[in-house]
Amino acid sequence: MTDQNECCRKSFFASAADTAKRMAEDASLAPVEVRKERMAICGTCKYFNNNKCDLCGCVMPLKTKFANMTCPHDPPKWTEWTS
């Protein structure tokens, strides 16, 4: 598996490619409650702008849906979800 914050140290296009790769590796979805909690956390972050993260360039409503994603902030404000 790729480093959890690897996508966040790349350009927008590389970040999108890394996110797509992580989704292909494991397309497991986080529960709806986890998705909502993640988005609520993102909504309070200074890097959240028009549903995108200014740190990694990811579209957060999509990124927060997948269990194996994590926040790019250092330290992360939310991490991978495991059952």
N, C-alpha and C. Protein backbone atom coordinates (compact mmCIF):
# COMPACT_ATOMS: atom_id res chain seq x y z
N MET A 1 0.85 -1.19 0.00
CA MET A 1 0.00 0.00 0.00
C MET A 1 0.89 1.24 0.00
N THR A 2 0.41 2.28 -0.61
CA THR A 2 1.17 3.53 -0.68
C THR A 2 1.16 4.25 0.66
N ASP A 3 2.15 5.09 0.86
CA ASP A 3 2.20 5.91 2.06
C ASP A 3 0.93 6.73 2.17
N GLN A 4 0.36 6.82 3.37
CA GLN A 4 -0.93 7.47 3.56
C GLN A 4 -0.97 8.92 3.09
N ASN A 5 0.11 9.64 3.23
CA ASN A 5 0.12 11.05 2.84
C ASN A 5 0.88 11.30 1.55
N GLU A 6 1.22 10.24 0.83
CA GLU A 6 2.00 10.38 -0.40
C GLU A 6 1.32 11.30 -1.39
N CYS A 7 -0.01 11.19 -1.53
CA CYS A 7 -0.71 12.01 -2.52
C CYS A 7 -0.57 13.50 -2.19
N CYS A 8 -0.34 13.81 -0.97
CA CYS A 8 -0.36 15.20 -0.54
C CYS A 8 0.96 15.92 -0.79
N ARG A 9 1.94 15.21 -1.28
CA ARG A 9 3.23 15.83 -1.58
C ARG A 9 3.45 15.93 -3.08
N LYS A 10 2.39 15.84 -3.85
CA LYS A 10 2.50 15.80 -5.29
C LYS A 10 1.68 16.92 -5.92
N SER A 11 1.82 17.05 -7.23
CA SER A 11 1.00 17.99 -7.97
C SER A 11 -0.44 17.51 -7.98
N PHE A 12 -1.35 18.37 -8.42
CA PHE A 12 -2.76 17.99 -8.47
C PHE A 12 -2.96 16.73 -9.30
N PHE A 13 -2.35 16.64 -10.48
CA PHE A 13 -2.56 15.48 -11.35
C PHE A 13 -1.96 14.22 -10.76
N ALA A 14 -0.81 14.32 -10.15
CA ALA A 14 -0.21 13.17 -9.49
C ALA A 14 -1.05 12.77 -8.27
N SER A 15 -1.58 13.77 -7.57
CA SER A 15 -2.45 13.50 -6.43
C SER A 15 -3.70 12.75 -6.87
N ALA A 16 -4.31 13.20 -7.95
CA ALA A 16 -5.51 12.54 -8.48
C ALA A 16 -5.19 11.12 -8.90
N ALA A 17 -4.04 10.91 -9.52
CA ALA A 17 -3.63 9.57 -9.94
C ALA A 17 -3.40 8.67 -8.73
N ASP A 18 -2.78 9.22 -7.68
CA ASP A 18 -2.54 8.43 -6.47
C ASP A 18 -3.86 8.07 -5.80
N THR A 19 -4.78 9.02 -5.74
CA THR A 19 -6.09 8.74 -5.15
C THR A 19 -6.80 7.65 -5.94
N ALA A 20 -6.75 7.72 -7.27
CA ALA A 20 -7.36 6.70 -8.12
C ALA A 20 -6.72 5.34 -7.87
N LYS A 21 -5.40 5.32 -7.72
CA LYS A 21 -4.69 4.06 -7.44
C LYS A 21 -5.14 3.46 -6.11
N ARG A 22 -5.24 4.32 -5.09
CA ARG A 22 -5.67 3.83 -3.78
C ARG A 22 -7.10 3.30 -3.84
N MET A 23 -7.95 3.95 -4.63
CA MET A 23 -9.33 3.49 -4.79
C MET A 23 -9.35 2.14 -5.50
N ALA A 24 -8.47 1.96 -6.48
CA ALA A 24 -8.40 0.69 -7.21
C ALA A 24 -7.86 -0.42 -6.32
N GLU A 25 -6.91 -0.09 -5.45
CA GLU A 25 -6.34 -1.07 -4.52
C GLU A 25 -7.39 -1.56 -3.53
N ASP A 26 -8.22 -0.66 -3.08
CA ASP A 26 -9.24 -1.01 -2.10
C ASP A 26 -10.39 -0.03 -2.24
N ALA A 27 -11.45 -0.49 -2.86
CA ALA A 27 -12.60 0.38 -3.10
C ALA A 27 -13.62 0.33 -1.96
N SER A 28 -13.19 -0.18 -0.82
CA SER A 28 -14.10 -0.24 0.33
C SER A 28 -14.55 1.15 0.73
N LEU A 29 -15.83 1.27 0.99
CA LEU A 29 -16.39 2.56 1.39
C LEU A 29 -16.47 2.66 2.90
N ALA A 30 -16.24 3.85 3.38
CA ALA A 30 -16.44 4.12 4.81
C ALA A 30 -17.95 4.25 5.05
N PRO A 31 -18.40 3.94 6.26
CA PRO A 31 -19.82 4.12 6.57
C PRO A 31 -20.24 5.58 6.40
N VAL A 32 -21.50 5.79 6.14
CA VAL A 32 -22.04 7.13 5.92
C VAL A 32 -21.70 8.05 7.09
N GLU A 33 -21.78 7.54 8.31
CA GLU A 33 -21.49 8.37 9.49
C GLU A 33 -20.04 8.86 9.46
N VAL A 34 -19.13 7.99 9.04
CA VAL A 34 -17.71 8.35 8.97
C VAL A 34 -17.50 9.39 7.88
N ARG A 35 -18.14 9.21 6.74
CA ARG A 35 -18.04 10.19 5.65
C ARG A 35 -18.50 11.56 6.11
N LYS A 36 -19.65 11.59 6.79
CA LYS A 36 -20.18 12.87 7.28
C LYS A 36 -19.24 13.51 8.29
N GLU A 37 -18.69 12.69 9.17
CA GLU A 37 -17.76 13.21 10.18
C GLU A 37 -16.51 13.78 9.52
N ARG A 38 -15.99 13.07 8.54
CA ARG A 38 -14.81 13.55 7.82
C ARG A 38 -15.10 14.89 7.13
N MET A 39 -16.23 14.97 6.45
CA MET A 39 -16.58 16.22 5.75
C MET A 39 -16.78 17.36 6.74
N ALA A 40 -17.36 17.06 7.90
CA ALA A 40 -17.54 18.09 8.92
C ALA A 40 -16.18 18.61 9.39
N ILE A 41 -15.22 17.70 9.57
CA ILE A 41 -13.87 18.09 9.96
C ILE A 41 -13.25 18.94 8.86
N CYS A 42 -13.38 18.51 7.62
CA CYS A 42 -12.82 19.27 6.50
C CYS A 42 -13.45 20.66 6.42
N GLY A 43 -14.74 20.74 6.69
CA GLY A 43 -15.44 22.02 6.61
C GLY A 43 -14.92 23.06 7.57
N THR A 44 -14.22 22.63 8.62
CA THR A 44 -13.66 23.57 9.59
C THR A 44 -12.19 23.90 9.30
N CYS A 45 -11.63 23.26 8.29
CA CYS A 45 -10.20 23.40 7.99
C CYS A 45 -9.94 24.60 7.07
N LYS A 46 -8.87 25.33 7.35
CA LYS A 46 -8.54 26.50 6.53
C LYS A 46 -8.12 26.12 5.12
N TYR A 47 -7.79 24.86 4.87
CA TYR A 47 -7.38 24.41 3.54
C TYR A 47 -8.55 23.90 2.70
N PHE A 48 -9.74 23.85 3.28
CA PHE A 48 -10.93 23.38 2.57
C PHE A 48 -11.51 24.54 1.78
N ASN A 49 -11.63 24.35 0.46
CA ASN A 49 -12.05 25.43 -0.41
C ASN A 49 -12.89 24.87 -1.56
N ASN A 50 -14.18 25.20 -1.57
CA ASN A 50 -15.08 24.72 -2.64
C ASN A 50 -15.03 23.22 -2.81
N ASN A 51 -15.14 22.49 -1.72
CA ASN A 51 -15.14 21.02 -1.69
C ASN A 51 -13.82 20.39 -2.09
N LYS A 52 -12.76 21.20 -2.16
CA LYS A 52 -11.43 20.67 -2.47
C LYS A 52 -10.48 21.00 -1.33
N CYS A 53 -9.45 20.18 -1.22
CA CYS A 53 -8.40 20.43 -0.24
C CYS A 53 -7.26 21.16 -0.92
N ASP A 54 -6.89 22.32 -0.39
CA ASP A 54 -5.80 23.09 -0.96
C ASP A 54 -4.43 22.47 -0.66
N LEU A 55 -4.37 21.50 0.27
CA LEU A 55 -3.10 20.83 0.55
C LEU A 55 -2.79 19.77 -0.50
N CYS A 56 -3.79 18.96 -0.85
CA CYS A 56 -3.53 17.85 -1.76
C CYS A 56 -4.25 17.98 -3.10
N GLY A 57 -5.21 18.89 -3.20
CA GLY A 57 -5.94 19.06 -4.45
C GLY A 57 -7.08 18.08 -4.64
N CYS A 58 -7.31 17.23 -3.68
CA CYS A 58 -8.36 16.21 -3.81
C CYS A 58 -9.76 16.82 -3.66
N VAL A 59 -10.71 16.20 -4.32
CA VAL A 59 -12.12 16.55 -4.18
C VAL A 59 -12.61 15.78 -2.95
N MET A 60 -12.88 16.50 -1.89
CA MET A 60 -13.11 15.85 -0.60
C MET A 60 -14.41 15.05 -0.50
N PRO A 61 -15.51 15.45 -1.13
CA PRO A 61 -16.68 14.58 -1.05
C PRO A 61 -16.42 13.19 -1.63
N LEU A 62 -15.48 13.10 -2.58
CA LEU A 62 -15.10 11.79 -3.12
C LEU A 62 -14.09 11.10 -2.21
N LYS A 63 -13.05 11.81 -1.82
CA LYS A 63 -12.00 11.22 -1.01
C LYS A 63 -12.53 10.70 0.33
N THR A 64 -13.43 11.42 0.95
CA THR A 64 -13.93 11.02 2.26
C THR A 64 -14.80 9.77 2.22
N LYS A 65 -15.24 9.37 1.04
CA LYS A 65 -16.09 8.17 0.92
C LYS A 65 -15.32 6.87 1.08
N PHE A 66 -14.03 6.90 0.77
CA PHE A 66 -13.26 5.66 0.74
C PHE A 66 -12.57 5.40 2.07
N ALA A 67 -12.67 4.16 2.53
CA ALA A 67 -12.16 3.77 3.85
C ALA A 67 -10.66 3.99 3.98
N ASN A 68 -9.89 3.76 2.91
CA ASN A 68 -8.44 3.79 3.02
C ASN A 68 -7.82 5.16 2.78
N MET A 69 -8.61 6.20 2.74
CA MET A 69 -8.08 7.56 2.56
C MET A 69 -7.79 8.19 3.91
N THR A 70 -6.97 9.24 3.87
CA THR A 70 -6.62 9.95 5.09
C THR A 70 -6.45 11.44 4.80
N CYS A 71 -6.57 12.24 5.80
CA CYS A 71 -6.40 13.68 5.68
C CYS A 71 -4.92 14.01 5.44
N PRO A 72 -4.63 14.97 4.55
CA PRO A 72 -3.24 15.32 4.27
C PRO A 72 -2.59 16.23 5.30
N HIS A 73 -3.37 16.76 6.22
CA HIS A 73 -2.84 17.68 7.22
C HIS A 73 -1.80 16.96 8.08
N ASP A 74 -0.82 17.68 8.60
CA ASP A 74 0.19 17.08 9.47
C ASP A 74 0.06 17.67 10.86
N PRO A 75 -0.43 16.94 11.84
CA PRO A 75 -0.90 15.55 11.76
C PRO A 75 -2.28 15.48 11.10
N PRO A 76 -2.63 14.30 10.56
CA PRO A 76 -3.94 14.14 9.92
C PRO A 76 -5.08 14.44 10.87
N LYS A 77 -6.10 15.10 10.34
CA LYS A 77 -7.29 15.40 11.15
C LYS A 77 -8.25 14.23 11.16
N TRP A 78 -8.13 13.34 10.18
CA TRP A 78 -8.85 12.08 10.16
C TRP A 78 -8.00 11.05 9.41
N THR A 79 -8.17 9.79 9.75
CA THR A 79 -7.32 8.74 9.21
C THR A 79 -8.16 7.65 8.55
N GLU A 80 -7.47 6.63 8.05
CA GLU A 80 -8.15 5.50 7.43
C GLU A 80 -9.16 4.92 8.40
N TRP A 81 -10.27 4.44 7.84
CA TRP A 81 -11.29 3.79 8.66
C TRP A 81 -11.15 2.29 8.51
N THR A 82 -11.15 1.61 9.63
CA THR A 82 -11.15 0.14 9.62
C THR A 82 -12.31 -0.32 10.48
N SER A 83 -12.89 -1.42 10.04
CA SER A 83 -14.05 -1.94 10.80
C SER A 83 -13.62 -2.66 12.05
